[in-house]
Amino acid sequence: MNKNQQFGKLGEEIAETFLQKKSYTILCKNYRFSRVEIDIICEYNDEIIFVEVKTRTSDQIAFPEQAVGKAKQRNIRIAAENFLEEKEINKPARFDIIAVVKDGSSFKVEHIEDAFYPFDVL
C-alpha cells in the first residue's frame, strides 16, 4: 500500500469512527461492485446511507467534496442499487460525503448529508 492509499485508509477510519459516534450502524466497508467501491455503507434512522470519503491535506487545491463528479456519482448509484438488491434491502437511501482534511497534526471532519441525488446523474 503506497503513501496515498495509507492516507486514504486513515481518512476512512476517521470517518467510520465519526459515524459511530453519531450512532450510525456500519453495515459494510469498501463494498465493491465491478470496478466501483463504496467506502462505507451504514444505517441510521431506518435509512441506508452510502458514504464516499474524501481525504485531503489542507494545502490541496480542491475541496474533498468537489472530487465526487457526475461519473463517480453515477457509478456509486449503480453499486448502491446492486448492494440493496443483493442484500434484499427495501429502505430509503441517501448519498453522503465525508470530507476529512488534515490540518497540521489534526483532522477536521465535515459530514455532508444528501450530498448528491443519484437520479440527477442518470
PDB file of N, CA and C in Angstrom:
ATOM      1  N   MET A   1       0.859  -1.177   0.000  1.00  0.00           N
ATOM      2  CA  MET A   1       0.000   0.000   0.000  1.00  0.00           C
ATOM      3  C   MET A   1       0.900   1.233   0.000  1.00  0.00           C
ATOM      4  N   ASN A   2       0.682   2.114  -0.992  1.00  0.00           N
ATOM      5  CA  ASN A   2       1.516   3.312  -1.055  1.00  0.00           C
ATOM      6  C   ASN A   2       1.038   4.375  -0.064  1.00  0.00           C
ATOM      7  N   LYS A   3       1.786   5.465   0.005  1.00  0.00           N
ATOM      8  CA  LYS A   3       1.521   6.527   0.981  1.00  0.00           C
ATOM      9  C   LYS A   3       0.130   7.142   0.803  1.00  0.00           C
ATOM     10  N   ASN A   4      -0.285   7.392  -0.437  1.00  0.00           N
ATOM     11  CA  ASN A   4      -1.615   7.967  -0.695  1.00  0.00           C
ATOM     12  C   ASN A   4      -2.722   7.013  -0.275  1.00  0.00           C
ATOM     13  N   GLN A   5      -2.536   5.725  -0.543  1.00  0.00           N
ATOM     14  CA  GLN A   5      -3.533   4.728  -0.147  1.00  0.00           C
ATOM     15  C   GLN A   5      -3.635   4.655   1.377  1.00  0.00           C
ATOM     16  N   GLN A   6      -2.499   4.721   2.061  1.00  0.00           N
ATOM     17  CA  GLN A   6      -2.495   4.701   3.526  1.00  0.00           C
ATOM     18  C   GLN A   6      -3.216   5.923   4.082  1.00  0.00           C
ATOM     19  N   PHE A   7      -2.985   7.076   3.455  1.00  0.00           N
ATOM     20  CA  PHE A   7      -3.626   8.313   3.890  1.00  0.00           C
ATOM     21  C   PHE A   7      -5.142   8.219   3.690  1.00  0.00           C
ATOM     22  N   GLY A   8      -5.563   7.678   2.548  1.00  0.00           N
ATOM     23  CA  GLY A   8      -6.985   7.484   2.281  1.00  0.00           C
ATOM     24  C   GLY A   8      -7.618   6.511   3.262  1.00  0.00           C
ATOM     25  N   LYS A   9      -6.918   5.442   3.583  1.00  0.00           N
ATOM     26  CA  LYS A   9      -7.413   4.448   4.544  1.00  0.00           C
ATOM     27  C   LYS A   9      -7.581   5.082   5.919  1.00  0.00           C
ATOM     28  N   LEU A  10      -6.635   5.927   6.312  1.00  0.00           N
ATOM     29  CA  LEU A  10      -6.743   6.641   7.584  1.00  0.00           C
ATOM     30  C   LEU A  10      -7.986   7.527   7.589  1.00  0.00           C
ATOM     31  N   GLY A  11      -8.230   8.219   6.486  1.00  0.00           N
ATOM     32  CA  GLY A  11      -9.429   9.057   6.376  1.00  0.00           C
ATOM     33  C   GLY A  11     -10.703   8.245   6.526  1.00  0.00           C
ATOM     34  N   GLU A  12     -10.737   7.061   5.935  1.00  0.00           N
ATOM     35  CA  GLU A  12     -11.909   6.186   6.061  1.00  0.00           C
ATOM     36  C   GLU A  12     -12.101   5.733   7.504  1.00  0.00           C
ATOM     37  N   GLU A  13     -11.010   5.442   8.198  1.00  0.00           N
ATOM     38  CA  GLU A  13     -11.103   5.040   9.605  1.00  0.00           C
ATOM     39  C   GLU A  13     -11.626   6.189  10.463  1.00  0.00           C
ATOM     40  N   ILE A  14     -11.161   7.395  10.188  1.00  0.00           N
ATOM     41  CA  ILE A  14     -11.638   8.573  10.919  1.00  0.00           C
ATOM     42  C   ILE A  14     -13.128   8.784  10.646  1.00  0.00           C
ATOM     43  N   ALA A  15     -13.541   8.628   9.390  1.00  0.00           N
ATOM     44  CA  ALA A  15     -14.951   8.787   9.023  1.00  0.00           C
ATOM     45  C   ALA A  15     -15.809   7.724   9.711  1.00  0.00           C
ATOM     46  N   GLU A  16     -15.328   6.505   9.745  1.00  0.00           N
ATOM     47  CA  GLU A  16     -16.078   5.421  10.399  1.00  0.00           C
ATOM     48  C   GLU A  16     -16.283   5.728  11.881  1.00  0.00           C
ATOM     49  N   THR A  17     -15.230   6.130  12.565  1.00  0.00           N
ATOM     50  CA  THR A  17     -15.333   6.488  13.987  1.00  0.00           C
ATOM     51  C   THR A  17     -16.301   7.651  14.180  1.00  0.00           C
ATOM     52  N   PHE A  18     -16.234   8.639  13.314  1.00  0.00           N
ATOM     53  CA  PHE A  18     -17.125   9.792  13.357  1.00  0.00           C
ATOM     54  C   PHE A  18     -18.583   9.344  13.269  1.00  0.00           C
ATOM     55  N   LEU A  19     -18.878   8.461  12.305  1.00  0.00           N
ATOM     56  CA  LEU A  19     -20.256   7.970  12.126  1.00  0.00           C
ATOM     57  C   LEU A  19     -20.722   7.159  13.326  1.00  0.00           C
ATOM     58  N   GLN A  20     -19.852   6.323  13.846  1.00  0.00           N
ATOM     59  CA  GLN A  20     -20.222   5.507  15.001  1.00  0.00           C
ATOM     60  C   GLN A  20     -20.545   6.380  16.208  1.00  0.00           C
ATOM     61  N   LYS A  21     -19.807   7.458  16.390  1.00  0.00           N
ATOM     62  CA  LYS A  21     -20.077   8.385  17.496  1.00  0.00           C
ATOM     63  C   LYS A  21     -21.431   9.066  17.331  1.00  0.00           C
ATOM     64  N   LYS A  22     -21.904   9.168  16.078  1.00  0.00           N
ATOM     65  CA  LYS A  22     -23.219   9.754  15.802  1.00  0.00           C
ATOM     66  C   LYS A  22     -24.320   8.680  15.792  1.00  0.00           C
ATOM     67  N   SER A  23     -23.994   7.479  16.257  1.00  0.00           N
ATOM     68  CA  SER A  23     -24.934   6.348  16.377  1.00  0.00           C
ATOM     69  C   SER A  23     -25.345   5.734  15.040  1.00  0.00           C
ATOM     70  N   TYR A  24     -24.520   5.882  14.015  1.00  0.00           N
ATOM     71  CA  TYR A  24     -24.754   5.187  12.752  1.00  0.00           C
ATOM     72  C   TYR A  24     -24.262   3.748  12.924  1.00  0.00           C
ATOM     73  N   THR A  25     -24.968   2.804  12.325  1.00  0.00           N
ATOM     74  CA  THR A  25     -24.556   1.405  12.346  1.00  0.00           C
ATOM     75  C   THR A  25     -23.830   1.102  11.042  1.00  0.00           C
ATOM     76  N   ILE A  26     -22.595   0.682  11.140  1.00  0.00           N
ATOM     77  CA  ILE A  26     -21.814   0.354   9.947  1.00  0.00           C
ATOM     78  C   ILE A  26     -22.251  -1.022   9.444  1.00  0.00           C
ATOM     79  N   LEU A  27     -22.686  -1.086   8.200  1.00  0.00           N
ATOM     80  CA  LEU A  27     -23.111  -2.347   7.595  1.00  0.00           C
ATOM     81  C   LEU A  27     -21.997  -2.981   6.774  1.00  0.00           C
ATOM     82  N   CYS A  28     -21.194  -2.147   6.123  1.00  0.00           N
ATOM     83  CA  CYS A  28     -20.182  -2.663   5.206  1.00  0.00           C
ATOM     84  C   CYS A  28     -19.152  -1.573   4.938  1.00  0.00           C
ATOM     85  N   LYS A  29     -17.904  -1.992   4.773  1.00  0.00           N
ATOM     86  CA  LYS A  29     -16.844  -1.063   4.387  1.00  0.00           C
ATOM     87  C   LYS A  29     -16.216  -1.573   3.097  1.00  0.00           C
ATOM     88  N   ASN A  30     -15.852  -0.650   2.236  1.00  0.00           N
ATOM     89  CA  ASN A  30     -15.174  -0.963   0.976  1.00  0.00           C
ATOM     90  C   ASN A  30     -15.940  -1.980   0.135  1.00  0.00           C
ATOM     91  N   TYR A  31     -17.233  -1.733  -0.027  1.00  0.00           N
ATOM     92  CA  TYR A  31     -18.079  -2.598  -0.847  1.00  0.00           C
ATOM     93  C   TYR A  31     -17.713  -2.404  -2.313  1.00  0.00           C
ATOM     94  N   ARG A  32     -17.472  -3.520  -2.995  1.00  0.00           N
ATOM     95  CA  ARG A  32     -17.090  -3.458  -4.402  1.00  0.00           C
ATOM     96  C   ARG A  32     -18.151  -4.089  -5.284  1.00  0.00           C
ATOM     97  N   PHE A  33     -18.435  -3.378  -6.370  1.00  0.00           N
ATOM     98  CA  PHE A  33     -19.282  -3.906  -7.432  1.00  0.00           C
ATOM     99  C   PHE A  33     -18.604  -3.527  -8.733  1.00  0.00           C
ATOM    100  N   SER A  34     -18.200  -4.533  -9.467  1.00  0.00           N
ATOM    101  CA  SER A  34     -17.427  -4.308 -10.681  1.00  0.00           C
ATOM    102  C   SER A  34     -16.154  -3.548 -10.296  1.00  0.00           C
ATOM    103  N   ARG A  35     -15.911  -2.416 -10.910  1.00  0.00           N
ATOM    104  CA  ARG A  35     -14.714  -1.642 -10.573  1.00  0.00           C
ATOM    105  C   ARG A  35     -15.022  -0.465  -9.661  1.00  0.00           C
ATOM    106  N   VAL A  36     -16.202  -0.452  -9.068  1.00  0.00           N
ATOM    107  CA  VAL A  36     -16.636   0.657  -8.218  1.00  0.00           C
ATOM    108  C   VAL A  36     -16.554   0.231  -6.748  1.00  0.00           C
ATOM    109  N   GLU A  37     -16.110   1.149  -5.921  1.00  0.00           N
ATOM    110  CA  GLU A  37     -16.062   0.878  -4.487  1.00  0.00           C
ATOM    111  C   GLU A  37     -16.840   1.953  -3.745  1.00  0.00           C
ATOM    112  N   ILE A  38     -17.665   1.507  -2.806  1.00  0.00           N
ATOM    113  CA  ILE A  38     -18.338   2.431  -1.898  1.00  0.00           C
ATOM    114  C   ILE A  38     -17.596   2.319  -0.568  1.00  0.00           C
ATOM    115  N   ASP A  39     -17.126   3.441  -0.064  1.00  0.00           N
ATOM    116  CA  ASP A  39     -16.258   3.421   1.115  1.00  0.00           C
ATOM    117  C   ASP A  39     -16.947   2.875   2.355  1.00  0.00           C
ATOM    118  N   ILE A  40     -18.120   3.422   2.670  1.00  0.00           N
ATOM    119  CA  ILE A  40     -18.845   2.995   3.870  1.00  0.00           C
ATOM    120  C   ILE A  40     -20.333   2.923   3.545  1.00  0.00           C
ATOM    121  N   ILE A  41     -20.957   1.849   3.993  1.00  0.00           N
ATOM    122  CA  ILE A  41     -22.418   1.726   3.905  1.00  0.00           C
ATOM    123  C   ILE A  41     -22.896   1.559   5.334  1.00  0.00           C
ATOM    124  N   CYS A  42     -23.838   2.405   5.728  1.00  0.00           N
ATOM    125  CA  CYS A  42     -24.314   2.352   7.110  1.00  0.00           C
ATOM    126  C   CYS A  42     -25.821   2.586   7.162  1.00  0.00           C
ATOM    127  N   GLU A  43     -26.350   2.460   8.361  1.00  0.00           N
ATOM    128  CA  GLU A  43     -27.781   2.661   8.572  1.00  0.00           C
ATOM    129  C   GLU A  43     -27.972   3.632   9.723  1.00  0.00           C
ATOM    130  N   TYR A  44     -28.953   4.502   9.553  1.00  0.00           N
ATOM    131  CA  TYR A  44     -29.288   5.470  10.587  1.00  0.00           C
ATOM    132  C   TYR A  44     -30.750   5.853  10.405  1.00  0.00           C
ATOM    133  N   ASN A  45     -31.512   5.795  11.484  1.00  0.00           N
ATOM    134  CA  ASN A  45     -32.941   6.129  11.438  1.00  0.00           C
ATOM    135  C   ASN A  45     -33.669   5.380  10.328  1.00  0.00           C
ATOM    136  N   ASP A  46     -33.395   4.095  10.219  1.00  0.00           N
ATOM    137  CA  ASP A  46     -34.056   3.219   9.254  1.00  0.00           C
ATOM    138  C   ASP A  46     -33.840   3.650   7.804  1.00  0.00           C
ATOM    139  N   GLU A  47     -32.698   4.269   7.553  1.00  0.00           N
ATOM    140  CA  GLU A  47     -32.319   4.701   6.215  1.00  0.00           C
ATOM    141  C   GLU A  47     -30.919   4.155   5.921  1.00  0.00           C
ATOM    142  N   ILE A  48     -30.682   3.731   4.699  1.00  0.00           N
ATOM    143  CA  ILE A  48     -29.371   3.243   4.287  1.00  0.00           C
ATOM    144  C   ILE A  48     -28.590   4.419   3.714  1.00  0.00           C
ATOM    145  N   ILE A  49     -27.358   4.589   4.197  1.00  0.00           N
ATOM    146  CA  ILE A  49     -26.535   5.709   3.763  1.00  0.00           C
ATOM    147  C   ILE A  49     -25.273   5.168   3.096  1.00  0.00           C
ATOM    148  N   PHE A  50     -25.044   5.624   1.878  1.00  0.00           N
ATOM    149  CA  PHE A  50     -23.850   5.278   1.116  1.00  0.00           C
ATOM    150  C   PHE A  50     -22.903   6.469   1.228  1.00  0.00           C
ATOM    151  N   VAL A  51     -21.716   6.210   1.779  1.00  0.00           N
ATOM    152  CA  VAL A  51     -20.801   7.302   2.110  1.00  0.00           C
ATOM    153  C   VAL A  51     -19.530   7.218   1.268  1.00  0.00           C
ATOM    154  N   GLU A  52     -19.230   8.305   0.606  1.00  0.00           N
ATOM    155  CA  GLU A  52     -17.964   8.464  -0.102  1.00  0.00           C
ATOM    156  C   GLU A  52     -17.071   9.326   0.785  1.00  0.00           C
ATOM    157  N   VAL A  53     -15.888   8.826   1.102  1.00  0.00           N
ATOM    158  CA  VAL A  53     -14.951   9.548   1.966  1.00  0.00           C
ATOM    159  C   VAL A  53     -13.863  10.159   1.089  1.00  0.00           C
ATOM    160  N   LYS A  54     -13.624  11.436   1.286  1.00  0.00           N
ATOM    161  CA  LYS A  54     -12.563  12.141   0.573  1.00  0.00           C
ATOM    162  C   LYS A  54     -11.602  12.715   1.604  1.00  0.00           C
ATOM    163  N   THR A  55     -10.345  12.324   1.502  1.00  0.00           N
ATOM    164  CA  THR A  55      -9.323  12.747   2.447  1.00  0.00           C
ATOM    165  C   THR A  55      -8.302  13.610   1.721  1.00  0.00           C
ATOM    166  N   ARG A  56      -8.013  14.760   2.301  1.00  0.00           N
ATOM    167  CA  ARG A  56      -7.074  15.691   1.695  1.00  0.00           C
ATOM    168  C   ARG A  56      -6.233  16.354   2.790  1.00  0.00           C
ATOM    169  N   THR A  57      -5.162  16.988   2.359  1.00  0.00           N
ATOM    170  CA  THR A  57      -4.422  17.863   3.262  1.00  0.00           C
ATOM    171  C   THR A  57      -4.947  19.276   3.042  1.00  0.00           C
ATOM    172  N   SER A  58      -4.762  20.127   4.010  1.00  0.00           N
ATOM    173  CA  SER A  58      -5.325  21.480   3.925  1.00  0.00           C
ATOM    174  C   SER A  58      -4.707  22.302   2.801  1.00  0.00           C
ATOM    175  N   ASP A  59      -3.558  21.899   2.299  1.00  0.00           N
ATOM    176  CA  ASP A  59      -2.927  22.690   1.245  1.00  0.00           C
ATOM    177  C   ASP A  59      -3.273  22.209  -0.165  1.00  0.00           C
ATOM    178  N   GLN A  60      -4.104  21.186  -0.281  1.00  0.00           N
ATOM    179  CA  GLN A  60      -4.519  20.747  -1.607  1.00  0.00           C
ATOM    180  C   GLN A  60      -5.584  21.696  -2.137  1.00  0.00           C
ATOM    181  N   ILE A  61      -5.580  21.918  -3.436  1.00  0.00           N
ATOM    182  CA  ILE A  61      -6.411  22.954  -4.051  1.00  0.00           C
ATOM    183  C   ILE A  61      -7.903  22.657  -3.945  1.00  0.00           C
ATOM    184  N   ALA A  62      -8.341  21.498  -4.393  1.00  0.00           N
ATOM    185  CA  ALA A  62      -9.776  21.197  -4.455  1.00  0.00           C
ATOM    186  C   ALA A  62     -10.306  20.786  -3.089  1.00  0.00           C
ATOM    187  N   PHE A  63     -11.533  21.177  -2.806  1.00  0.00           N
ATOM    188  CA  PHE A  63     -12.196  20.697  -1.620  1.00  0.00           C
ATOM    189  C   PHE A  63     -12.534  19.225  -1.840  1.00  0.00           C
ATOM    190  N   PRO A  64     -12.434  18.397  -0.805  1.00  0.00           N
ATOM    191  CA  PRO A  64     -12.682  16.960  -0.983  1.00  0.00           C
ATOM    192  C   PRO A  64     -14.038  16.652  -1.610  1.00  0.00           C
ATOM    193  N   GLU A  65     -15.067  17.375  -1.210  1.00  0.00           N
ATOM    194  CA  GLU A  65     -16.401  17.082  -1.726  1.00  0.00           C
ATOM    195  C   GLU A  65     -16.538  17.409  -3.213  1.00  0.00           C
ATOM    196  N   GLN A  66     -15.648  18.233  -3.750  1.00  0.00           N
ATOM    197  CA  GLN A  66     -15.693  18.558  -5.175  1.00  0.00           C
ATOM    198  C   GLN A  66     -15.107  17.440  -6.039  1.00  0.00           C
ATOM    199  N   ALA A  67     -14.476  16.469  -5.397  1.00  0.00           N
ATOM    200  CA  ALA A  67     -13.837  15.371  -6.132  1.00  0.00           C
ATOM    201  C   ALA A  67     -14.817  14.263  -6.503  1.00  0.00           C
ATOM    202  N   VAL A  68     -16.089  14.438  -6.164  1.00  0.00           N
ATOM    203  CA  VAL A  68     -17.099  13.429  -6.497  1.00  0.00           C
ATOM    204  C   VAL A  68     -17.929  13.981  -7.656  1.00  0.00           C
ATOM    205  N   GLY A  69     -17.409  13.777  -8.857  1.00  0.00           N
ATOM    206  CA  GLY A  69     -18.061  14.283 -10.058  1.00  0.00           C
ATOM    207  C   GLY A  69     -19.251  13.441 -10.476  1.00  0.00           C
ATOM    208  N   LYS A  70     -19.872  13.850 -11.558  1.00  0.00           N
ATOM    209  CA  LYS A  70     -21.085  13.179 -12.051  1.00  0.00           C
ATOM    210  C   LYS A  70     -20.837  11.708 -12.386  1.00  0.00           C
ATOM    211  N   ALA A  71     -19.708  11.394 -13.007  1.00  0.00           N
ATOM    212  CA  ALA A  71     -19.417   9.991 -13.354  1.00  0.00           C
ATOM    213  C   ALA A  71     -19.260   9.152 -12.093  1.00  0.00           C
ATOM    214  N   LYS A  72     -18.567   9.682 -11.091  1.00  0.00           N
ATOM    215  CA  LYS A  72     -18.390   8.963  -9.816  1.00  0.00           C
ATOM    216  C   LYS A  72     -19.748   8.782  -9.140  1.00  0.00           C
ATOM    217  N   GLN A  73     -20.579   9.806  -9.142  1.00  0.00           N
ATOM    218  CA  GLN A  73     -21.909   9.708  -8.551  1.00  0.00           C
ATOM    219  C   GLN A  73     -22.726   8.616  -9.236  1.00  0.00           C
ATOM    220  N   ARG A  74     -22.679   8.574 -10.551  1.00  0.00           N
ATOM    221  CA  ARG A  74     -23.414   7.570 -11.313  1.00  0.00           C
ATOM    222  C   ARG A  74     -22.925   6.160 -10.951  1.00  0.00           C
ATOM    223  N   ASN A  75     -21.619   5.989 -10.859  1.00  0.00           N
ATOM    224  CA  ASN A  75     -21.056   4.687 -10.509  1.00  0.00           C
ATOM    225  C   ASN A  75     -21.439   4.267  -9.094  1.00  0.00           C
ATOM    226  N   ILE A  76     -21.429   5.204  -8.170  1.00  0.00           N
ATOM    227  CA  ILE A  76     -21.837   4.900  -6.794  1.00  0.00           C
ATOM    228  C   ILE A  76     -23.304   4.482  -6.769  1.00  0.00           C
ATOM    229  N   ARG A  77     -24.141   5.170  -7.547  1.00  0.00           N
ATOM    230  CA  ARG A  77     -25.569   4.820  -7.596  1.00  0.00           C
ATOM    231  C   ARG A  77     -25.753   3.386  -8.090  1.00  0.00           C
ATOM    232  N   ILE A  78     -25.041   3.023  -9.138  1.00  0.00           N
ATOM    233  CA  ILE A  78     -25.162   1.671  -9.697  1.00  0.00           C
ATOM    234  C   ILE A  78     -24.722   0.630  -8.664  1.00  0.00           C
ATOM    235  N   ALA A  79     -23.602   0.887  -7.994  1.00  0.00           N
ATOM    236  CA  ALA A  79     -23.124  -0.042  -6.963  1.00  0.00           C
ATOM    237  C   ALA A  79     -24.106  -0.104  -5.792  1.00  0.00           C
ATOM    238  N   ALA A  80     -24.679   1.034  -5.422  1.00  0.00           N
ATOM    239  CA  ALA A  80     -25.650   1.077  -4.322  1.00  0.00           C
ATOM    240  C   ALA A  80     -26.893   0.262  -4.665  1.00  0.00           C
ATOM    241  N   GLU A  81     -27.376   0.411  -5.888  1.00  0.00           N
ATOM    242  CA  GLU A  81     -28.532  -0.385  -6.311  1.00  0.00           C
ATOM    243  C   GLU A  81     -28.222  -1.876  -6.223  1.00  0.00           C
ATOM    244  N   ASN A  82     -27.026  -2.252  -6.623  1.00  0.00           N
ATOM    245  CA  ASN A  82     -26.625  -3.656  -6.550  1.00  0.00           C
ATOM    246  C   ASN A  82     -26.584  -4.136  -5.098  1.00  0.00           C
ATOM    247  N   PHE A  83     -26.029  -3.324  -4.205  1.00  0.00           N
ATOM    248  CA  PHE A  83     -25.965  -3.682  -2.789  1.00  0.00           C
ATOM    249  C   PHE A  83     -27.355  -3.916  -2.224  1.00  0.00           C
ATOM    250  N   LEU A  84     -28.259  -2.981  -2.491  1.00  0.00           N
ATOM    251  CA  LEU A  84     -29.623  -3.099  -1.963  1.00  0.00           C
ATOM    252  C   LEU A  84     -30.314  -4.349  -2.495  1.00  0.00           C
ATOM    253  N   GLU A  85     -30.116  -4.630  -3.769  1.00  0.00           N
ATOM    254  CA  GLU A  85     -30.721  -5.824  -4.373  1.00  0.00           C
ATOM    255  C   GLU A  85     -30.090  -7.100  -3.806  1.00  0.00           C
ATOM    256  N   GLU A  86     -28.776  -7.110  -3.739  1.00  0.00           N
ATOM    257  CA  GLU A  86     -28.039  -8.280  -3.240  1.00  0.00           C
ATOM    258  C   GLU A  86     -28.431  -8.628  -1.808  1.00  0.00           C
ATOM    259  N   LYS A  87     -28.595  -7.615  -0.974  1.00  0.00           N
ATOM    260  CA  LYS A  87     -28.925  -7.813   0.450  1.00  0.00           C
ATOM    261  C   LYS A  87     -30.429  -7.830   0.702  1.00  0.00           C
ATOM    262  N   GLU A  88     -31.204  -7.667  -0.368  1.00  0.00           N
ATOM    263  CA  GLU A  88     -32.671  -7.636  -0.281  1.00  0.00           C
ATOM    264  C   GLU A  88     -33.153  -6.606   0.739  1.00  0.00           C
ATOM    265  N   ILE A  89     -32.619  -5.410   0.608  1.00  0.00           N
ATOM    266  CA  ILE A  89     -32.977  -4.295   1.490  1.00  0.00           C
ATOM    267  C   ILE A  89     -33.933  -3.381   0.745  1.00  0.00           C
ATOM    268  N   ASN A  90     -35.040  -3.077   1.396  1.00  0.00           N
ATOM    269  CA  ASN A  90     -36.027  -2.175   0.813  1.00  0.00           C
ATOM    270  C   ASN A  90     -36.284  -1.034   1.804  1.00  0.00           C
ATOM    271  N   LYS A  91     -35.328  -0.141   1.888  1.00  0.00           N
ATOM    272  CA  LYS A  91     -35.420   1.014   2.785  1.00  0.00           C
ATOM    273  C   LYS A  91     -34.991   2.244   2.006  1.00  0.00           C
ATOM    274  N   PRO A  92     -35.384   3.414   2.476  1.00  0.00           N
ATOM    275  CA  PRO A  92     -34.921   4.645   1.823  1.00  0.00           C
ATOM    276  C   PRO A  92     -33.395   4.728   1.901  1.00  0.00           C
ATOM    277  N   ALA A  93     -32.809   5.375   0.912  1.00  0.00           N
ATOM    278  CA  ALA A  93     -31.356   5.512   0.875  1.00  0.00           C
ATOM    279  C   ALA A  93     -30.981   6.949   0.568  1.00  0.00           C
ATOM    280  N   ARG A  94     -29.772   7.304   0.979  1.00  0.00           N
ATOM    281  CA  ARG A  94     -29.235   8.614   0.622  1.00  0.00           C
ATOM    282  C   ARG A  94     -27.732   8.468   0.391  1.00  0.00           C
ATOM    283  N   PHE A  95     -27.157   9.519  -0.176  1.00  0.00           N
ATOM    284  CA  PHE A  95     -25.748   9.507  -0.544  1.00  0.00           C
ATOM    285  C   PHE A  95     -25.057  10.687   0.131  1.00  0.00           C
ATOM    286  N   ASP A  96     -24.106  10.365   0.997  1.00  0.00           N
ATOM    287  CA  ASP A  96     -23.385  11.376   1.761  1.00  0.00           C
ATOM    288  C   ASP A  96     -21.921  11.412   1.342  1.00  0.00           C
ATOM    289  N   ILE A  97     -21.274  12.513   1.668  1.00  0.00           N
ATOM    290  CA  ILE A  97     -19.833  12.626   1.526  1.00  0.00           C
ATOM    291  C   ILE A  97     -19.279  13.042   2.880  1.00  0.00           C
ATOM    292  N   ILE A  98     -18.206  12.398   3.274  1.00  0.00           N
ATOM    293  CA  ILE A  98     -17.480  12.842   4.457  1.00  0.00           C
ATOM    294  C   ILE A  98     -16.121  13.342   3.983  1.00  0.00           C
ATOM    295  N   ALA A  99     -15.869  14.599   4.262  1.00  0.00           N
ATOM    296  CA  ALA A  99     -14.597  15.218   3.917  1.00  0.00           C
ATOM    297  C   ALA A  99     -13.712  15.207   5.158  1.00  0.00           C
ATOM    298  N   VAL A 100     -12.561  14.590   5.035  1.00  0.00           N
ATOM    299  CA  VAL A 100     -11.579  14.537   6.116  1.00  0.00           C
ATOM    300  C   VAL A 100     -10.370  15.328   5.636  1.00  0.00           C
ATOM    301  N   VAL A 101     -10.071  16.412   6.354  1.00  0.00           N
ATOM    302  CA  VAL A 101      -8.987  17.297   5.929  1.00  0.00           C
ATOM    303  C   VAL A 101      -7.947  17.373   7.037  1.00  0.00           C
ATOM    304  N   LYS A 102      -6.718  17.006   6.683  1.00  0.00           N
ATOM    305  CA  LYS A 102      -5.619  17.101   7.645  1.00  0.00           C
ATOM    306  C   LYS A 102      -5.166  18.542   7.703  1.00  0.00           C
ATOM    307  N   ASP A 103      -5.170  19.083   8.911  1.00  0.00           N
ATOM    308  CA  ASP A 103      -4.767  20.468   9.142  1.00  0.00           C
ATOM    309  C   ASP A 103      -3.694  20.448  10.223  1.00  0.00           C
ATOM    310  N   GLY A 104      -2.453  20.466   9.801  1.00  0.00           N
ATOM    311  CA  GLY A 104      -1.353  20.345  10.765  1.00  0.00           C
ATOM    312  C   GLY A 104      -1.302  18.930  11.306  1.00  0.00           C
ATOM    313  N   SER A 105      -1.423  18.800  12.615  1.00  0.00           N
ATOM    314  CA  SER A 105      -1.371  17.469  13.229  1.00  0.00           C
ATOM    315  C   SER A 105      -2.762  16.922  13.547  1.00  0.00           C
ATOM    316  N   SER A 106      -3.801  17.663  13.186  1.00  0.00           N
ATOM    317  CA  SER A 106      -5.162  17.201  13.478  1.00  0.00           C
ATOM    318  C   SER A 106      -5.964  17.053  12.188  1.00  0.00           C
ATOM    319  N   PHE A 107      -7.145  16.494  12.336  1.00  0.00           N
ATOM    320  CA  PHE A 107      -8.046  16.293  11.203  1.00  0.00           C
ATOM    321  C   PHE A 107      -9.365  16.990  11.472  1.00  0.00           C
ATOM    322  N   LYS A 108      -9.908  17.618  10.438  1.00  0.00           N
ATOM    323  CA  LYS A 108     -11.245  18.197  10.508  1.00  0.00           C
ATOM    324  C   LYS A 108     -12.168  17.305   9.687  1.00  0.00           C
ATOM    325  N   VAL A 109     -13.355  17.054  10.209  1.00  0.00           N
ATOM    326  CA  VAL A 109     -14.311  16.186   9.531  1.00  0.00           C
ATOM    327  C   VAL A 109     -15.573  16.984   9.231  1.00  0.00           C
ATOM    328  N   GLU A 110     -16.000  16.921   7.977  1.00  0.00           N
ATOM    329  CA  GLU A 110     -17.258  17.559   7.576  1.00  0.00           C
ATOM    330  C   GLU A 110     -18.146  16.491   6.966  1.00  0.00           C
ATOM    331  N   HIS A 111     -19.344  16.354   7.513  1.00  0.00           N
ATOM    332  CA  HIS A 111     -20.308  15.365   7.025  1.00  0.00           C
ATOM    333  C   HIS A 111     -21.352  16.094   6.192  1.00  0.00           C
ATOM    334  N   ILE A 112     -21.379  15.773   4.919  1.00  0.00           N
ATOM    335  CA  ILE A 112     -22.324  16.409   4.002  1.00  0.00           C
ATOM    336  C   ILE A 112     -23.429  15.403   3.704  1.00  0.00           C
ATOM    337  N   GLU A 113     -24.572  15.577   4.349  1.00  0.00           N
ATOM    338  CA  GLU A 113     -25.702  14.675   4.144  1.00  0.00           C
ATOM    339  C   GLU A 113     -26.414  15.029   2.847  1.00  0.00           C
ATOM    340  N   ASP A 114     -26.970  13.999   2.197  1.00  0.00           N
ATOM    341  CA  ASP A 114     -27.644  14.216   0.909  1.00  0.00           C
ATOM    342  C   ASP A 114     -26.766  15.034  -0.025  1.00  0.00           C
ATOM    343  N   ALA A 115     -25.516  14.634  -0.126  1.00  0.00           N
ATOM    344  CA  ALA A 115     -24.527  15.396  -0.909  1.00  0.00           C
ATOM    345  C   ALA A 115     -24.859  15.414  -2.382  1.00  0.00           C
ATOM    346  N   PHE A 116     -25.491  14.355  -2.862  1.00  0.00           N
ATOM    347  CA  PHE A 116     -25.917  14.331  -4.249  1.00  0.00           C
ATOM    348  C   PHE A 116     -27.117  13.417  -4.385  1.00  0.00           C
ATOM    349  N   TYR A 117     -27.853  13.646  -5.438  1.00  0.00           N
ATOM    350  CA  TYR A 117     -29.042  12.878  -5.710  1.00  0.00           C
ATOM    351  C   TYR A 117     -28.756  12.027  -6.940  1.00  0.00           C
ATOM    352  N   PRO A 118     -28.638  10.732  -6.767  1.00  0.00           N
ATOM    353  CA  PRO A 118     -28.144   9.861  -7.845  1.00  0.00           C
ATOM    354  C   PRO A 118     -28.992   9.855  -9.102  1.00  0.00           C
ATOM    355  N   PHE A 119     -30.241  10.201  -8.983  1.00  0.00           N
ATOM    356  CA  PHE A 119     -31.090  10.152 -10.169  1.00  0.00           C
ATOM    357  C   PHE A 119     -30.896  11.375 -11.049  1.00  0.00           C
ATOM    358  N   ASP A 120     -30.165  12.382 -10.517  1.00  0.00           N
ATOM    359  CA  ASP A 120     -29.821  13.545 -11.313  1.00  0.00           C
ATOM    360  C   ASP A 120     -28.704  13.245 -12.303  1.00  0.00           C
ATOM    361  N   VAL A 121     -28.046  12.098 -12.135  1.00  0.00           N
ATOM    362  CA  VAL A 121     -26.858  11.799 -12.948  1.00  0.00           C
ATOM    363  C   VAL A 121     -27.064  10.597 -13.856  1.00  0.00           C
ATOM    364  N   LEU A 122     -28.307  10.255 -14.142  1.00  0.00           N
ATOM    365  CA  LEU A 122     -28.571   9.080 -14.985  1.00  0.00           C
ATOM    366  C   LEU A 122     -28.069   9.229 -16.368  1.00  0.00           C
TER     367      LEU A 122
END
